[in-house]
Amino acid sequence: MRLVSFELATPSGAQTRIGAVLSDGRYADLQSAFRAVLGDNGATREGAARIAAATIPSDMVAFIENGVTALDAAQSALDWVTAKDETGADGATLVFAPEAVKLLSPLPRPPLIRDFMAFETHLKNIYPKLGREIPPQWYEMPVYYKGNPSAVGAHGDAITMPTYATNMDFEFEFAAVIGRGGANIAREDAHRHIFGFMIYNDFSAREIQQREMSVGLGPAKGKDFERGHVFGPWLVTADEIADVYGLRMVAEVSGKPWCDTSTSTMHWRFDQMIAHASMNERLVPGEIFGSGTVGGGSAAEMGKVLGRGDTVTLRVDGLGELRNSIA
């Protein structure tokens, strides 16, 4: 299932909804559609509204926390919309064209972002430009930094260059979302804790990032500016991806080819990341685990920068297309 979060204008103000992407690209409002399913099964209007809101809440993290119950309800809602109608018995619109709503990040409020460095080729490209060698410790454990979960952007957003930056960079990644929490998760069990996957563009203000990291901390302001962590366009449930390490990754900058690579080039994989991060620490549903930048997936590797007006388009097989411009 391809899941989205979107904002809908209503007489009582903007409301967030969770949707499923239909084959024609439109979004099915899952809570409203499940309300229709419940009505068909004999629930009163009030009872259907109460059960639907509890089972398919409007927040993606809460939806993930509901586990298989929520996914089963979402599938029944999607089946109902596909087979029947676009309007519920109570007159609610169940299907929306993308241009009729505001697309949000699939997880507008993730509890935590952990961004790893999983691709060796990226390090081989970038470290010589910094006058450094890859630290031997990188080969010993999957390291990560923690990003600000409030600095999240969505597909189509214009990313404003921070006032303290003179140029910007993109970082082409993809991410796993934790579905089941836990501590001390064994590597062989880690895949059971993944809810799904999505594309991740980890925008960077390189100058301040380098200054921060020169003292052994960060990145902080080099990453955590408004809409600096972009996810989307969808959150694809894990069952939809046959082999997450066999996906083509293609990037373009302002319409020009940039890189054409694959998730197969990962040195560290998500099962290793989850096992490492959960050592004596509890993971919670909705946490995002970024892969780190794929080889060739940034401007800095090519000795280039992004400027105002540039558009970055990232595509990953099965995960869609993520596009953003620099404002």
Protein backbone atom coordinates (compact mmCIF):
# COMPACT_ATOMS: atom_id res chain seq x y z
CA MET A 1 0.00 0.00 0.00
CA ARG A 2 1.24 3.50 -0.86
CA LEU A 3 0.26 5.83 1.98
CA VAL A 4 0.20 9.63 2.08
CA SER A 5 -0.64 12.35 4.54
CA PHE A 6 -2.50 15.31 3.09
CA GLU A 7 -4.17 18.46 4.30
CA LEU A 8 -7.78 19.08 3.37
CA ALA A 9 -9.60 22.41 3.56
CA THR A 10 -12.91 22.10 5.44
CA PRO A 11 -15.47 24.61 6.77
CA SER A 12 -13.96 24.14 10.22
CA GLY A 13 -10.38 24.66 9.03
CA ALA A 14 -7.58 22.57 7.57
CA GLN A 15 -7.61 18.92 8.58
CA THR A 16 -4.99 16.22 8.08
CA ARG A 17 -5.98 12.93 6.49
CA ILE A 18 -4.23 9.65 5.76
CA GLY A 19 -4.75 8.44 2.22
CA ALA A 20 -3.90 5.52 -0.02
CA VAL A 21 -2.68 6.21 -3.54
CA LEU A 22 -4.98 4.75 -6.19
CA SER A 23 -3.77 3.37 -9.51
CA ASP A 24 -4.70 6.65 -11.24
CA GLY A 25 -2.71 8.74 -8.75
CA ARG A 26 -5.66 10.05 -6.72
CA TYR A 27 -5.85 9.74 -2.93
CA ALA A 28 -8.49 7.71 -1.10
CA ASP A 29 -9.37 9.20 2.30
CA LEU A 30 -8.98 6.03 4.38
CA GLN A 31 -10.79 7.13 7.52
CA SER A 32 -13.84 8.32 5.59
CA ALA A 33 -13.84 5.20 3.41
CA PHE A 34 -13.60 2.93 6.45
CA ARG A 35 -16.55 4.80 7.94
CA ALA A 36 -18.49 3.77 4.82
CA VAL A 37 -17.39 0.15 5.27
CA LEU A 38 -18.62 0.16 8.85
CA GLY A 39 -21.93 1.68 7.77
CA ASP A 40 -22.40 -1.13 5.28
CA ASN A 41 -21.80 -3.55 8.15
CA GLY A 42 -24.59 -2.07 10.23
CA ALA A 43 -22.85 0.56 12.36
CA THR A 44 -24.75 3.75 13.06
CA ARG A 45 -23.36 6.99 11.69
CA GLU A 46 -22.04 7.95 15.12
CA GLY A 47 -20.64 4.49 15.83
CA ALA A 48 -18.95 4.29 12.44
CA ALA A 49 -17.34 7.71 12.96
CA ARG A 50 -16.10 6.74 16.41
CA ILE A 51 -14.62 3.40 15.33
CA ALA A 52 -13.09 4.77 12.12
CA ALA A 53 -11.38 7.65 13.93
CA ALA A 54 -9.89 5.26 16.48
CA THR A 55 -8.79 2.62 13.97
CA ILE A 56 -7.50 4.92 11.20
CA PRO A 57 -6.49 8.14 12.98
CA SER A 58 -5.44 11.22 11.04
CA ASP A 59 -1.84 11.08 12.28
CA MET A 60 0.48 8.61 10.52
CA VAL A 61 2.44 7.73 13.67
CA ALA A 62 -0.79 6.89 15.50
CA PHE A 63 -1.87 4.83 12.48
CA ILE A 64 1.40 2.88 12.59
CA GLU A 65 1.00 2.35 16.34
CA ASN A 66 -2.35 0.62 15.63
CA GLY A 67 -0.47 -2.17 13.86
CA VAL A 68 -2.11 -4.85 11.77
CA THR A 69 -5.58 -3.73 12.87
CA ALA A 70 -5.10 -0.38 11.15
CA LEU A 71 -3.58 -1.91 8.02
CA ASP A 72 -6.44 -4.41 7.69
CA ALA A 73 -8.97 -1.61 8.10
CA ALA A 74 -7.12 0.50 5.53
CA GLN A 75 -7.15 -2.36 3.04
CA SER A 76 -10.88 -2.91 3.49
CA ALA A 77 -11.42 0.84 2.98
CA LEU A 78 -9.29 0.82 -0.16
CA ASP A 79 -11.15 -2.20 -1.52
CA TRP A 80 -14.49 -0.49 -0.83
CA VAL A 81 -13.47 2.66 -2.71
CA THR A 82 -12.07 0.65 -5.62
CA ALA A 83 -15.20 -1.48 -5.98
CA LYS A 84 -17.99 0.95 -5.15
CA ASP A 85 -18.14 4.71 -5.20
CA GLU A 86 -16.26 7.92 -4.52
CA THR A 87 -18.88 9.27 -2.09
CA GLY A 88 -19.93 7.71 1.20
CA ALA A 89 -23.49 7.23 2.36
CA ASP A 90 -23.12 10.31 4.58
CA GLY A 91 -22.10 12.41 1.55
CA ALA A 92 -18.41 12.53 2.43
CA THR A 93 -15.98 12.76 -0.48
CA LEU A 94 -13.76 9.70 -0.40
CA VAL A 95 -11.33 10.33 -3.27
CA PHE A 96 -9.31 13.47 -4.00
CA ALA A 97 -7.18 14.56 -6.94
CA PRO A 98 -3.64 15.51 -5.84
CA GLU A 99 -4.16 19.11 -6.92
CA ALA A 100 -7.25 19.40 -4.67
CA VAL A 101 -5.28 18.91 -1.46
CA LYS A 102 -1.92 19.87 0.06
CA LEU A 103 0.45 16.92 0.21
CA LEU A 104 2.40 16.65 3.45
CA SER A 105 5.36 14.52 4.42
CA PRO A 106 4.05 10.97 4.95
CA LEU A 107 5.04 11.43 8.61
CA PRO A 108 4.53 15.13 9.35
CA ARG A 109 5.57 14.60 12.99
CA PRO A 110 8.00 11.66 13.29
CA PRO A 111 9.20 10.99 16.85
CA LEU A 112 12.86 10.88 15.73
CA ILE A 113 15.06 10.97 12.63
CA ARG A 114 18.24 8.87 12.68
CA ASP A 115 20.34 9.39 9.57
CA PHE A 116 23.11 6.87 8.91
CA MET A 117 26.09 6.71 6.52
CA ALA A 118 25.46 3.44 4.71
CA PHE A 119 27.02 3.99 1.26
CA GLU A 120 30.79 3.58 1.07
CA THR A 121 31.00 5.17 -2.39
CA HIS A 122 29.67 8.46 -1.04
CA LEU A 123 32.42 8.52 1.58
CA LYS A 124 35.07 7.64 -1.00
CA ASN A 125 33.87 10.58 -3.08
CA ILE A 126 33.47 13.16 -0.32
CA TYR A 127 36.25 12.53 2.20
CA PRO A 128 39.18 13.35 -0.15
CA LYS A 129 37.53 16.73 -0.86
CA LEU A 130 37.63 17.38 2.89
CA GLY A 131 41.28 16.36 3.08
CA ARG A 132 40.43 13.30 5.15
CA GLU A 133 40.42 9.53 4.92
CA ILE A 134 37.44 7.36 5.83
CA PRO A 135 37.76 6.66 9.57
CA PRO A 136 38.37 2.95 10.26
CA GLN A 137 35.56 3.09 12.84
CA TRP A 138 33.07 3.54 9.98
CA TYR A 139 33.69 -0.07 9.00
CA GLU A 140 33.10 -1.23 12.58
CA MET A 141 29.60 0.09 13.25
CA PRO A 142 26.74 1.93 11.46
CA VAL A 143 26.97 5.49 12.80
CA TYR A 144 24.27 8.15 12.56
CA TYR A 145 23.24 11.64 13.59
CA LYS A 146 19.83 12.67 14.93
CA GLY A 147 17.82 15.17 12.93
CA ASN A 148 15.14 17.58 14.11
CA PRO A 149 11.73 15.90 13.56
CA SER A 150 10.11 19.35 13.33
CA ALA A 151 12.21 20.30 10.27
CA VAL A 152 10.29 18.06 7.85
CA GLY A 153 9.28 18.83 4.27
CA ALA A 154 7.18 17.17 1.56
CA HIS A 155 7.19 16.43 -2.15
CA GLY A 156 6.71 19.66 -4.10
CA ASP A 157 7.86 21.97 -1.30
CA ALA A 158 10.14 24.86 -2.16
CA ILE A 159 13.06 24.65 0.27
CA THR A 160 14.11 28.10 1.45
CA MET A 161 17.87 28.63 1.64
CA PRO A 162 18.71 29.53 5.26
CA THR A 163 19.86 33.09 5.88
CA TYR A 164 23.25 31.78 7.04
CA ALA A 165 23.85 29.80 3.80
CA THR A 166 25.30 30.95 0.48
CA ASN A 167 24.74 27.66 -1.29
CA MET A 168 22.82 24.46 -0.75
CA ASP A 169 23.33 20.79 -1.39
CA PHE A 170 21.00 17.84 -1.68
CA GLU A 171 21.64 14.32 -0.39
CA PHE A 172 19.88 11.45 -2.15
CA GLU A 173 18.78 8.83 0.37
CA PHE A 174 15.93 6.51 1.16
CA ALA A 175 14.54 5.64 4.55
CA ALA A 176 12.93 2.89 6.59
CA VAL A 177 10.15 3.65 9.07
CA ILE A 178 9.92 1.67 12.30
CA GLY A 179 6.60 -0.14 12.74
CA ARG A 180 7.24 -2.11 15.92
CA GLY A 181 9.28 -0.68 18.74
CA GLY A 182 11.63 -2.52 21.02
CA ALA A 183 15.07 -2.63 22.57
CA ASN A 184 17.99 -4.98 21.93
CA ILE A 185 16.49 -6.14 18.63
CA ALA A 186 18.40 -9.02 17.06
CA ARG A 187 19.60 -8.46 13.51
CA GLU A 188 17.69 -11.52 12.27
CA ASP A 189 14.45 -10.08 13.70
CA ALA A 190 14.98 -6.49 12.57
CA HIS A 191 13.02 -6.75 9.30
CA ARG A 192 9.87 -7.49 11.33
CA HIS A 193 10.18 -4.04 12.90
CA ILE A 194 10.08 -2.14 9.58
CA PHE A 195 6.71 -0.69 8.57
CA GLY A 196 7.71 0.69 5.19
CA PHE A 197 10.06 2.78 3.05
CA MET A 198 10.18 6.22 1.42
CA ILE A 199 12.58 8.52 -0.45
CA TYR A 200 14.60 10.99 1.64
CA ASN A 201 16.29 14.20 0.48
CA ASP A 202 18.53 15.42 3.29
CA PHE A 203 19.20 19.01 2.25
CA SER A 204 22.42 20.56 3.55
CA ALA A 205 23.86 24.01 4.18
CA ARG A 206 27.43 22.89 3.59
CA GLU A 207 29.40 25.84 4.97
CA ILE A 208 27.97 25.75 8.49
CA GLN A 209 27.83 21.95 8.44
CA GLN A 210 31.59 21.78 7.89
CA ARG A 211 32.22 24.36 10.61
CA GLU A 212 30.02 22.50 13.10
CA MET A 213 31.55 19.11 12.41
CA SER A 214 35.11 20.44 12.63
CA VAL A 215 34.66 20.56 16.42
CA GLY A 216 33.41 16.97 16.59
CA LEU A 217 29.68 17.59 16.94
CA GLY A 218 26.77 17.96 14.54
CA PRO A 219 25.54 18.37 11.98
CA ALA A 220 22.96 20.69 13.48
CA LYS A 221 22.16 23.98 11.71
CA GLY A 222 23.72 22.46 8.61
CA LYS A 223 20.69 20.16 8.39
CA ASP A 224 17.97 21.28 10.78
CA PHE A 225 16.50 24.27 8.98
CA GLU A 226 12.85 24.58 7.95
CA ARG A 227 11.82 21.69 5.65
CA GLY A 228 15.45 20.52 5.48
CA HIS A 229 14.49 16.84 5.87
CA VAL A 230 12.20 15.98 2.95
CA PHE A 231 10.36 12.64 2.80
CA GLY A 232 7.91 11.22 0.32
CA PRO A 233 6.06 11.30 -1.86
CA TRP A 234 4.58 8.20 -0.25
CA LEU A 235 5.26 5.78 2.59
CA VAL A 236 5.25 2.36 0.88
CA THR A 237 4.48 -0.56 3.17
CA ALA A 238 7.25 -3.16 3.39
CA ASP A 239 5.14 -5.92 1.82
CA GLU A 240 5.07 -3.94 -1.45
CA ILE A 241 8.87 -4.10 -1.87
CA ALA A 242 10.16 -7.54 -2.89
CA ASP A 243 13.85 -6.65 -2.51
CA VAL A 244 14.70 -3.34 -0.88
CA TYR A 245 18.35 -3.84 -1.86
CA GLY A 246 17.60 -4.11 -5.56
CA LEU A 247 16.01 -0.73 -6.30
CA ARG A 248 17.27 1.65 -8.95
CA MET A 249 18.02 5.20 -7.70
CA VAL A 250 18.07 8.05 -10.25
CA ALA A 251 18.59 11.77 -9.61
CA GLU A 252 18.23 14.85 -11.81
CA VAL A 253 19.08 18.47 -11.05
CA SER A 254 17.13 21.05 -13.06
CA GLY A 255 16.32 18.39 -15.65
CA LYS A 256 19.90 17.21 -16.13
CA PRO A 257 20.94 13.63 -15.25
CA TRP A 258 22.93 13.50 -12.03
CA CYS A 259 23.35 9.91 -10.88
CA ASP A 260 21.99 6.47 -11.75
CA THR A 261 22.75 3.89 -9.10
CA SER A 262 21.11 1.29 -6.85
CA THR A 263 20.26 0.46 -3.26
CA SER A 264 22.37 -2.67 -3.80
CA THR A 265 25.48 -0.56 -3.18
CA MET A 266 24.72 -0.16 0.54
CA HIS A 267 27.52 -1.28 2.85
CA TRP A 268 25.41 -1.10 6.02
CA ARG A 269 21.83 -2.37 5.79
CA PHE A 270 18.70 -1.59 7.77
CA ASP A 271 18.79 -4.77 9.84
CA GLN A 272 22.29 -3.83 11.03
CA MET A 273 21.21 -0.25 11.72
CA ILE A 274 18.20 -1.36 13.78
CA ALA A 275 20.22 -3.89 15.79
CA HIS A 276 22.89 -1.27 16.52
CA ALA A 277 20.53 1.62 17.36
CA SER A 278 18.37 -0.54 19.64
CA MET A 279 21.24 -1.71 21.85
CA ASN A 280 20.18 -0.74 25.37
CA GLU A 281 17.84 1.82 23.80
CA ARG A 282 14.17 1.58 22.92
CA LEU A 283 12.99 2.34 19.41
CA VAL A 284 9.41 3.55 18.97
CA PRO A 285 6.94 3.29 16.07
CA GLY A 286 7.31 6.04 13.49
CA GLU A 287 11.05 6.57 13.90
CA ILE A 288 12.80 7.23 10.59
CA PHE A 289 16.09 5.51 9.70
CA GLY A 290 17.82 7.31 6.81
CA SER A 291 20.22 5.35 4.63
CA GLY A 292 22.71 8.16 4.20
CA THR A 293 23.70 9.51 0.81
CA VAL A 294 24.08 7.13 -2.14
CA GLY A 295 27.30 7.38 -4.13
CA GLY A 296 27.08 10.37 -6.47
CA GLY A 297 23.92 11.58 -4.77
CA SER A 298 25.11 15.04 -3.75
CA ALA A 299 26.58 18.15 -5.36
CA ALA A 300 29.59 18.23 -3.04
CA GLU A 301 30.85 14.92 -4.46
CA MET A 302 31.07 16.57 -7.89
CA GLY A 303 32.61 19.79 -6.57
CA LYS A 304 29.37 21.64 -7.32
CA VAL A 305 26.69 23.55 -5.41
CA LEU A 306 22.98 24.14 -5.79
CA GLY A 307 21.62 27.63 -6.28
CA ARG A 308 18.29 29.38 -5.97
CA GLY A 309 15.86 28.09 -8.58
CA ASP A 310 17.44 24.65 -8.95
CA THR A 311 15.04 21.70 -8.86
CA VAL A 312 16.09 18.31 -7.51
CA THR A 313 14.18 15.20 -8.64
CA LEU A 314 14.84 11.86 -6.97
CA ARG A 315 13.37 8.55 -8.17
CA VAL A 316 13.55 5.14 -6.54
CA ASP A 317 11.91 2.04 -8.01
CA GLY A 318 8.67 1.33 -6.18
CA LEU A 319 8.97 4.39 -3.94
CA GLY A 320 7.98 7.07 -6.44
CA GLU A 321 9.43 10.47 -7.32
CA LEU A 322 10.40 13.19 -4.86
CA ARG A 323 10.83 16.69 -6.31
CA ASN A 324 11.79 19.96 -4.62
CA SER A 325 13.14 23.35 -5.66
CA ILE A 326 15.46 25.78 -3.91
CA ALA A 327 13.60 29.00 -3.12
